[in-house]
């Protein structure tokens, strides 16, 4: 069916107070992505290829576990398997 527009023209909205005016007002930074400052999404200073895959994270954790002298033997075995590609 696709996207369907509103049935009527939108009603003019008048904020009831300062809080509603703040919440529903236009952005002060229209050129900044909504996800700026969040740990996900492009952000204000996005860099290409900055996203890590699950495999990248697993390898990073495995390397740290393998190098940690306090890691239990089971963790070191998991780290070795992860670094070998399971």
PDB file of N, CA and C in Angstrom:
ATOM      1  N   UNK A   1       0.815  -1.176   0.000  1.00  0.00           N
ATOM      2  CA  UNK A   1       0.000   0.000   0.000  1.00  0.00           C
ATOM      3  C   UNK A   1       0.871   1.256   0.000  1.00  0.00           C
ATOM      4  N   UNK A   2       2.033   1.211   0.640  1.00  0.00           N
ATOM      5  CA  UNK A   2       2.931   2.358   0.648  1.00  0.00           C
ATOM      6  C   UNK A   2       2.623   3.335   1.765  1.00  0.00           C
ATOM      7  N   UNK A   3       3.338   4.413   1.755  1.00  0.00           N
ATOM      8  CA  UNK A   3       3.135   5.430   2.779  1.00  0.00           C
ATOM      9  C   UNK A   3       1.876   6.231   2.494  1.00  0.00           C
ATOM     10  N   UNK A   4       1.153   6.539   3.541  1.00  0.00           N
ATOM     11  CA  UNK A   4      -0.080   7.295   3.412  1.00  0.00           C
ATOM     12  C   UNK A   4       0.077   8.581   4.208  1.00  0.00           C
ATOM     13  N   UNK A   5      -0.227   9.697   3.616  1.00  0.00           N
ATOM     14  CA  UNK A   5      -0.113  10.987   4.286  1.00  0.00           C
ATOM     15  C   UNK A   5      -1.243  11.201   5.275  1.00  0.00           C
ATOM     16  N   UNK A   6      -1.189  12.305   6.012  1.00  0.00           N
ATOM     17  CA  UNK A   6      -2.247  12.578   6.980  1.00  0.00           C
ATOM     18  C   UNK A   6      -3.587  12.796   6.280  1.00  0.00           C
ATOM     19  N   UNK A   7      -4.656  12.414   6.974  1.00  0.00           N
ATOM     20  CA  UNK A   7      -5.995  12.541   6.411  1.00  0.00           C
ATOM     21  C   UNK A   7      -6.413  14.002   6.313  1.00  0.00           C
ATOM     22  N   UNK A   8      -5.931  14.806   7.231  1.00  0.00           N
ATOM     23  CA  UNK A   8      -6.284  16.229   7.251  1.00  0.00           C
ATOM     24  C   UNK A   8      -5.004  17.051   7.329  1.00  0.00           C
ATOM     25  N   UNK A   9      -5.142  18.338   7.149  1.00  0.00           N
ATOM     26  CA  UNK A   9      -4.000  19.212   7.360  1.00  0.00           C
ATOM     27  C   UNK A   9      -3.658  19.192   8.842  1.00  0.00           C
ATOM     28  N   UNK A  10      -2.349  19.244   9.170  1.00  0.00           N
ATOM     29  CA  UNK A  10      -1.981  19.220  10.582  1.00  0.00           C
ATOM     30  C   UNK A  10      -2.531  20.454  11.318  1.00  0.00           C
ATOM     31  N   UNK A  11      -2.908  20.250  12.557  1.00  0.00           N
ATOM     32  CA  UNK A  11      -3.437  21.332  13.395  1.00  0.00           C
ATOM     33  C   UNK A  11      -2.263  22.138  13.935  1.00  0.00           C
ATOM     34  N   UNK A  12      -2.395  23.446  13.953  1.00  0.00           N
ATOM     35  CA  UNK A  12      -1.343  24.276  14.540  1.00  0.00           C
ATOM     36  C   UNK A  12      -1.203  23.939  16.013  1.00  0.00           C
ATOM     37  N   UNK A  13       0.033  23.764  16.462  1.00  0.00           N
ATOM     38  CA  UNK A  13       0.306  23.397  17.844  1.00  0.00           C
ATOM     39  C   UNK A  13       0.856  24.599  18.587  1.00  0.00           C
ATOM     40  N   UNK A  14       0.305  24.862  19.738  1.00  0.00           N
ATOM     41  CA  UNK A  14       0.798  25.928  20.595  1.00  0.00           C
ATOM     42  C   UNK A  14       1.228  25.299  21.916  1.00  0.00           C
ATOM     43  N   UNK A  15       2.531  25.412  22.261  1.00  0.00           N
ATOM     44  CA  UNK A  15       2.998  24.821  23.511  1.00  0.00           C
ATOM     45  C   UNK A  15       2.261  25.411  24.715  1.00  0.00           C
ATOM     46  N   UNK A  16       1.997  24.562  25.712  1.00  0.00           N
ATOM     47  CA  UNK A  16       1.277  24.994  26.911  1.00  0.00           C
ATOM     48  C   UNK A  16       2.184  25.704  27.903  1.00  0.00           C
ATOM     49  N   UNK A  17       3.476  25.498  27.796  1.00  0.00           N
ATOM     50  CA  UNK A  17       4.404  26.132  28.737  1.00  0.00           C
ATOM     51  C   UNK A  17       5.825  26.041  28.230  1.00  0.00           C
ATOM     52  N   UNK A  18       6.768  26.455  29.085  1.00  0.00           N
ATOM     53  CA  UNK A  18       8.181  26.454  28.691  1.00  0.00           C
ATOM     54  C   UNK A  18       8.687  25.033  28.424  1.00  0.00           C
ATOM     55  N   UNK A  19       8.227  24.074  29.220  1.00  0.00           N
ATOM     56  CA  UNK A  19       8.681  22.696  29.010  1.00  0.00           C
ATOM     57  C   UNK A  19       8.274  22.173  27.638  1.00  0.00           C
ATOM     58  N   UNK A  20       7.024  22.357  27.280  1.00  0.00           N
ATOM     59  CA  UNK A  20       6.560  21.899  25.960  1.00  0.00           C
ATOM     60  C   UNK A  20       7.236  22.684  24.845  1.00  0.00           C
ATOM     61  N   UNK A  21       7.482  23.935  25.065  1.00  0.00           N
ATOM     62  CA  UNK A  21       8.167  24.750  24.055  1.00  0.00           C
ATOM     63  C   UNK A  21       9.570  24.212  23.828  1.00  0.00           C
ATOM     64  N   UNK A  22      10.250  23.818  24.914  1.00  0.00           N
ATOM     65  CA  UNK A  22      11.597  23.259  24.805  1.00  0.00           C
ATOM     66  C   UNK A  22      11.576  21.915  24.080  1.00  0.00           C
ATOM     67  N   UNK A  23      10.654  21.043  24.483  1.00  0.00           N
ATOM     68  CA  UNK A  23      10.591  19.694  23.917  1.00  0.00           C
ATOM     69  C   UNK A  23      10.225  19.706  22.435  1.00  0.00           C
ATOM     70  N   UNK A  24       9.266  20.533  22.055  1.00  0.00           N
ATOM     71  CA  UNK A  24       8.741  20.500  20.683  1.00  0.00           C
ATOM     72  C   UNK A  24       9.320  21.577  19.766  1.00  0.00           C
ATOM     73  N   UNK A  25      10.290  22.340  20.245  1.00  0.00           N
ATOM     74  CA  UNK A  25      10.865  23.390  19.405  1.00  0.00           C
ATOM     75  C   UNK A  25      11.821  22.792  18.372  1.00  0.00           C
ATOM     76  N   UNK A  26      12.119  23.525  17.310  1.00  0.00           N
ATOM     77  CA  UNK A  26      13.081  23.027  16.319  1.00  0.00           C
ATOM     78  C   UNK A  26      14.468  22.892  16.946  1.00  0.00           C
ATOM     79  N   UNK A  27      15.289  22.090  16.341  1.00  0.00           N
ATOM     80  CA  UNK A  27      16.642  21.873  16.854  1.00  0.00           C
ATOM     81  C   UNK A  27      17.514  23.111  16.711  1.00  0.00           C
ATOM     82  N   UNK A  28      18.462  23.250  17.620  1.00  0.00           N
ATOM     83  CA  UNK A  28      19.432  24.341  17.533  1.00  0.00           C
ATOM     84  C   UNK A  28      20.582  23.976  16.599  1.00  0.00           C
ATOM     85  N   UNK A  29      20.703  22.692  16.268  1.00  0.00           N
ATOM     86  CA  UNK A  29      21.798  22.217  15.413  1.00  0.00           C
ATOM     87  C   UNK A  29      21.244  21.348  14.274  1.00  0.00           C
ATOM     88  N   UNK A  30      20.666  21.941  13.268  1.00  0.00           N
ATOM     89  CA  UNK A  30      20.044  21.142  12.208  1.00  0.00           C
ATOM     90  C   UNK A  30      21.029  20.306  11.401  1.00  0.00           C
ATOM     91  N   UNK A  31      22.301  20.664  11.377  1.00  0.00           N
ATOM     92  CA  UNK A  31      23.280  19.908  10.606  1.00  0.00           C
ATOM     93  C   UNK A  31      23.903  18.762  11.371  1.00  0.00           C
ATOM     94  N   UNK A  32      23.578  18.609  12.656  1.00  0.00           N
ATOM     95  CA  UNK A  32      24.182  17.568  13.480  1.00  0.00           C
ATOM     96  C   UNK A  32      23.275  16.339  13.520  1.00  0.00           C
ATOM     97  N   UNK A  33      23.837  15.133  13.337  1.00  0.00           N
ATOM     98  CA  UNK A  33      23.002  13.927  13.374  1.00  0.00           C
ATOM     99  C   UNK A  33      22.322  13.760  14.733  1.00  0.00           C
ATOM    100  N   UNK A  34      21.181  13.124  14.731  1.00  0.00           N
ATOM    101  CA  UNK A  34      20.438  12.877  15.969  1.00  0.00           C
ATOM    102  C   UNK A  34      21.262  12.038  16.927  1.00  0.00           C
ATOM    103  N   UNK A  35      22.115  11.174  16.408  1.00  0.00           N
ATOM    104  CA  UNK A  35      22.895  10.278  17.253  1.00  0.00           C
ATOM    105  C   UNK A  35      24.197  10.891  17.765  1.00  0.00           C
ATOM    106  N   UNK A  36      24.421  12.172  17.561  1.00  0.00           N
ATOM    107  CA  UNK A  36      25.644  12.809  18.054  1.00  0.00           C
ATOM    108  C   UNK A  36      25.705  12.656  19.567  1.00  0.00           C
ATOM    109  N   UNK A  37      26.840  12.192  20.067  1.00  0.00           N
ATOM    110  CA  UNK A  37      27.016  11.999  21.500  1.00  0.00           C
ATOM    111  C   UNK A  37      26.607  10.620  21.976  1.00  0.00           C
ATOM    112  N   UNK A  38      25.914   9.865  21.156  1.00  0.00           N
ATOM    113  CA  UNK A  38      25.498   8.511  21.523  1.00  0.00           C
ATOM    114  C   UNK A  38      26.590   7.525  21.109  1.00  0.00           C
ATOM    115  N   UNK A  39      26.662   6.378  21.792  1.00  0.00           N
ATOM    116  CA  UNK A  39      27.685   5.401  21.412  1.00  0.00           C
ATOM    117  C   UNK A  39      27.360   4.623  20.141  1.00  0.00           C
ATOM    118  N   UNK A  40      26.256   4.969  19.473  1.00  0.00           N
ATOM    119  CA  UNK A  40      25.883   4.318  18.215  1.00  0.00           C
ATOM    120  C   UNK A  40      25.556   5.380  17.183  1.00  0.00           C
ATOM    121  N   UNK A  41      25.556   5.008  15.941  1.00  0.00           N
ATOM    122  CA  UNK A  41      25.174   5.940  14.889  1.00  0.00           C
ATOM    123  C   UNK A  41      26.326   6.816  14.450  1.00  0.00           C
ATOM    124  N   UNK A  42      26.078   7.682  13.467  1.00  0.00           N
ATOM    125  CA  UNK A  42      27.154   8.463  12.883  1.00  0.00           C
ATOM    126  C   UNK A  42      27.774   9.499  13.810  1.00  0.00           C
ATOM    127  N   UNK A  43      27.007  10.164  14.647  1.00  0.00           N
ATOM    128  CA  UNK A  43      27.566  11.173  15.539  1.00  0.00           C
ATOM    129  C   UNK A  43      28.056  12.393  14.793  1.00  0.00           C
ATOM    130  N   UNK A  44      28.538  13.372  15.545  1.00  0.00           N
ATOM    131  CA  UNK A  44      28.982  14.635  14.957  1.00  0.00           C
ATOM    132  C   UNK A  44      30.303  14.487  14.217  1.00  0.00           C
ATOM    133  N   UNK A  45      31.168  13.613  14.702  1.00  0.00           N
ATOM    134  CA  UNK A  45      32.494  13.450  14.101  1.00  0.00           C
ATOM    135  C   UNK A  45      32.667  12.007  13.636  1.00  0.00           C
ATOM    136  N   UNK A  46      31.772  11.572  12.783  1.00  0.00           N
ATOM    137  CA  UNK A  46      31.787  10.184  12.318  1.00  0.00           C
ATOM    138  C   UNK A  46      33.031   9.905  11.484  1.00  0.00           C
ATOM    139  N   UNK A  47      33.590   8.734  11.714  1.00  0.00           N
ATOM    140  CA  UNK A  47      34.726   8.294  10.906  1.00  0.00           C
ATOM    141  C   UNK A  47      34.329   7.008  10.206  1.00  0.00           C
ATOM    142  N   UNK A  48      34.641   6.895   8.935  1.00  0.00           N
ATOM    143  CA  UNK A  48      34.280   5.674   8.227  1.00  0.00           C
ATOM    144  C   UNK A  48      35.015   4.468   8.811  1.00  0.00           C
ATOM    145  N   UNK A  49      34.369   3.327   8.788  1.00  0.00           N
ATOM    146  CA  UNK A  49      34.942   2.055   9.230  1.00  0.00           C
ATOM    147  C   UNK A  49      35.239   2.034  10.732  1.00  0.00           C
ATOM    148  N   UNK A  50      34.564   2.861  11.507  1.00  0.00           N
ATOM    149  CA  UNK A  50      34.795   2.883  12.944  1.00  0.00           C
ATOM    150  C   UNK A  50      33.975   1.832  13.672  1.00  0.00           C
ATOM    151  N   UNK A  51      33.015   1.237  12.997  1.00  0.00           N
ATOM    152  CA  UNK A  51      32.143   0.249  13.629  1.00  0.00           C
ATOM    153  C   UNK A  51      32.859  -1.091  13.685  1.00  0.00           C
ATOM    154  N   UNK A  52      32.811  -1.723  14.851  1.00  0.00           N
ATOM    155  CA  UNK A  52      33.420  -3.034  15.005  1.00  0.00           C
ATOM    156  C   UNK A  52      32.355  -4.111  14.854  1.00  0.00           C
ATOM    157  N   UNK A  53      32.738  -5.190  14.218  1.00  0.00           N
ATOM    158  CA  UNK A  53      31.830  -6.323  14.099  1.00  0.00           C
ATOM    159  C   UNK A  53      31.914  -7.155  15.380  1.00  0.00           C
ATOM    160  N   UNK A  54      30.996  -8.082  15.530  1.00  0.00           N
ATOM    161  CA  UNK A  54      31.017  -8.979  16.687  1.00  0.00           C
ATOM    162  C   UNK A  54      32.316  -9.772  16.708  1.00  0.00           C
ATOM    163  N   UNK A  55      32.775 -10.181  15.549  1.00  0.00           N
ATOM    164  CA  UNK A  55      34.024 -10.941  15.465  1.00  0.00           C
ATOM    165  C   UNK A  55      35.212 -10.095  15.907  1.00  0.00           C
ATOM    166  N   UNK A  56      35.237  -8.811  15.504  1.00  0.00           N
ATOM    167  CA  UNK A  56      36.318  -7.915  15.915  1.00  0.00           C
ATOM    168  C   UNK A  56      36.368  -7.795  17.442  1.00  0.00           C
ATOM    169  N   UNK A  57      35.207  -7.663  18.041  1.00  0.00           N
ATOM    170  CA  UNK A  57      35.134  -7.520  19.494  1.00  0.00           C
ATOM    171  C   UNK A  57      35.570  -8.814  20.171  1.00  0.00           C
ATOM    172  N   UNK A  58      35.139  -9.968  19.639  1.00  0.00           N
ATOM    173  CA  UNK A  58      35.529 -11.257  20.219  1.00  0.00           C
ATOM    174  C   UNK A  58      37.041 -11.445  20.165  1.00  0.00           C
ATOM    175  N   UNK A  59      37.663 -11.064  19.061  1.00  0.00           N
ATOM    176  CA  UNK A  59      39.122 -11.186  18.937  1.00  0.00           C
ATOM    177  C   UNK A  59      39.813 -10.255  19.930  1.00  0.00           C
ATOM    178  N   UNK A  60      39.302  -9.058  20.093  1.00  0.00           N
ATOM    179  CA  UNK A  60      39.881  -8.110  21.047  1.00  0.00           C
ATOM    180  C   UNK A  60      39.798  -8.669  22.469  1.00  0.00           C
ATOM    181  N   UNK A  61      38.643  -9.219  22.838  1.00  0.00           N
ATOM    182  CA  UNK A  61      38.470  -9.805  24.171  1.00  0.00           C
ATOM    183  C   UNK A  61      39.381 -11.020  24.329  1.00  0.00           C
ATOM    184  N   UNK A  62      39.474 -11.850  23.290  1.00  0.00           N
ATOM    185  CA  UNK A  62      40.314 -13.046  23.347  1.00  0.00           C
ATOM    186  C   UNK A  62      41.782 -12.678  23.531  1.00  0.00           C
ATOM    187  N   UNK A  63      42.248 -11.669  22.839  1.00  0.00           N
ATOM    188  CA  UNK A  63      43.652 -11.253  22.995  1.00  0.00           C
ATOM    189  C   UNK A  63      43.925 -10.777  24.416  1.00  0.00           C
ATOM    190  N   UNK A  64      43.000  -9.999  24.959  1.00  0.00           N
ATOM    191  CA  UNK A  64      43.183  -9.518  26.334  1.00  0.00           C
ATOM    192  C   UNK A  64      43.146 -10.667  27.330  1.00  0.00           C
ATOM    193  N   UNK A  65      42.230 -11.616  27.125  1.00  0.00           N
ATOM    194  CA  UNK A  65      42.133 -12.762  28.031  1.00  0.00           C
ATOM    195  C   UNK A  65      43.383 -13.625  27.948  1.00  0.00           C
ATOM    196  N   UNK A  66      43.882 -13.840  26.738  1.00  0.00           N
ATOM    197  CA  UNK A  66      45.075 -14.666  26.564  1.00  0.00           C
ATOM    198  C   UNK A  66      46.296 -14.029  27.219  1.00  0.00           C
ATOM    199  N   UNK A  67      46.336 -12.716  27.256  1.00  0.00           N
ATOM    200  CA  UNK A  67      47.488 -12.016  27.822  1.00  0.00           C
ATOM    201  C   UNK A  67      47.356 -11.769  29.327  1.00  0.00           C
ATOM    202  N   UNK A  68      46.177 -11.993  29.883  1.00  0.00           N
ATOM    203  CA  UNK A  68      45.946 -11.710  31.302  1.00  0.00           C
ATOM    204  C   UNK A  68      46.401 -12.892  32.152  1.00  0.00           C
ATOM    205  N   UNK A  69      47.417 -12.702  32.997  1.00  0.00           N
ATOM    206  CA  UNK A  69      47.895 -13.820  33.812  1.00  0.00           C
ATOM    207  C   UNK A  69      46.873 -14.263  34.868  1.00  0.00           C
ATOM    208  N   UNK A  70      45.906 -13.404  35.166  1.00  0.00           N
ATOM    209  CA  UNK A  70      44.882 -13.741  36.166  1.00  0.00           C
ATOM    210  C   UNK A  70      43.676 -14.460  35.564  1.00  0.00           C
ATOM    211  N   UNK A  71      43.618 -14.581  34.258  1.00  0.00           N
ATOM    212  CA  UNK A  71      42.467 -15.218  33.606  1.00  0.00           C
ATOM    213  C   UNK A  71      42.443 -16.712  33.935  1.00  0.00           C
ATOM    214  N   UNK A  72      41.263 -17.253  34.234  1.00  0.00           N
ATOM    215  CA  UNK A  72      41.172 -18.692  34.508  1.00  0.00           C
ATOM    216  C   UNK A  72      41.519 -19.531  33.278  1.00  0.00           C
ATOM    217  N   UNK A  73      41.875 -20.778  33.524  1.00  0.00           N
ATOM    218  CA  UNK A  73      42.264 -21.671  32.433  1.00  0.00           C
ATOM    219  C   UNK A  73      41.170 -21.806  31.377  1.00  0.00           C
ATOM    220  N   UNK A  74      39.907 -21.873  31.826  1.00  0.00           N
ATOM    221  CA  UNK A  74      38.805 -22.019  30.868  1.00  0.00           C
ATOM    222  C   UNK A  74      38.719 -20.805  29.942  1.00  0.00           C
ATOM    223  N   UNK A  75      38.985 -19.626  30.487  1.00  0.00           N
ATOM    224  CA  UNK A  75      38.963 -18.399  29.669  1.00  0.00           C
ATOM    225  C   UNK A  75      40.119 -18.406  28.682  1.00  0.00           C
ATOM    226  N   UNK A  76      41.275 -18.866  29.125  1.00  0.00           N
ATOM    227  CA  UNK A  76      42.426 -18.931  28.218  1.00  0.00           C
ATOM    228  C   UNK A  76      42.180 -19.943  27.101  1.00  0.00           C
ATOM    229  N   UNK A  77      41.500 -21.071  27.425  1.00  0.00           N
ATOM    230  CA  UNK A  77      41.167 -22.049  26.371  1.00  0.00           C
ATOM    231  C   UNK A  77      40.198 -21.431  25.362  1.00  0.00           C
ATOM    232  N   UNK A  78      39.199 -20.704  25.868  1.00  0.00           N
ATOM    233  CA  UNK A  78      38.259 -20.027  24.967  1.00  0.00           C
ATOM    234  C   UNK A  78      39.004 -19.019  24.093  1.00  0.00           C
ATOM    235  N   UNK A  79      39.918 -18.260  24.712  1.00  0.00           N
ATOM    236  CA  UNK A  79      40.676 -17.251  23.966  1.00  0.00           C
ATOM    237  C   UNK A  79      41.488 -17.902  22.845  1.00  0.00           C
ATOM    238  N   UNK A  80      42.111 -19.034  23.163  1.00  0.00           N
ATOM    239  CA  UNK A  80      42.912 -19.722  22.143  1.00  0.00           C
ATOM    240  C   UNK A  80      42.025 -20.183  20.986  1.00  0.00           C
ATOM    241  N   UNK A  81      40.856 -20.754  21.311  1.00  0.00           N
ATOM    242  CA  UNK A  81      39.934 -21.204  20.258  1.00  0.00           C
ATOM    243  C   UNK A  81      39.445 -20.018  19.430  1.00  0.00           C
ATOM    244  N   UNK A  82      39.151 -18.907  20.085  1.00  0.00           N
ATOM    245  CA  UNK A  82      38.659 -17.728  19.374  1.00  0.00           C
ATOM    246  C   UNK A  82      39.729 -17.175  18.435  1.00  0.00           C
ATOM    247  N   UNK A  83      40.956 -17.157  18.899  1.00  0.00           N
ATOM    248  CA  UNK A  83      42.036 -16.630  18.065  1.00  0.00           C
ATOM    249  C   UNK A  83      42.389 -17.562  16.913  1.00  0.00           C
ATOM    250  N   UNK A  84      42.066 -18.847  17.065  1.00  0.00           N
ATOM    251  CA  UNK A  84      42.283 -19.813  15.978  1.00  0.00           C
ATOM    252  C   UNK A  84      41.094 -19.844  15.017  1.00  0.00           C
ATOM    253  N   UNK A  85      40.034 -19.093  15.334  1.00  0.00           N
ATOM    254  CA  UNK A  85      38.877 -19.064  14.466  1.00  0.00           C
ATOM    255  C   UNK A  85      37.828 -20.100  14.807  1.00  0.00           C
ATOM    256  N   UNK A  86      37.855 -20.588  16.026  1.00  0.00           N
ATOM    257  CA  UNK A  86      36.919 -21.622  16.523  1.00  0.00           C
ATOM    258  C   UNK A  86      37.115 -22.827  15.667  1.00  0.00           C
TER     259      UNK A  86
END
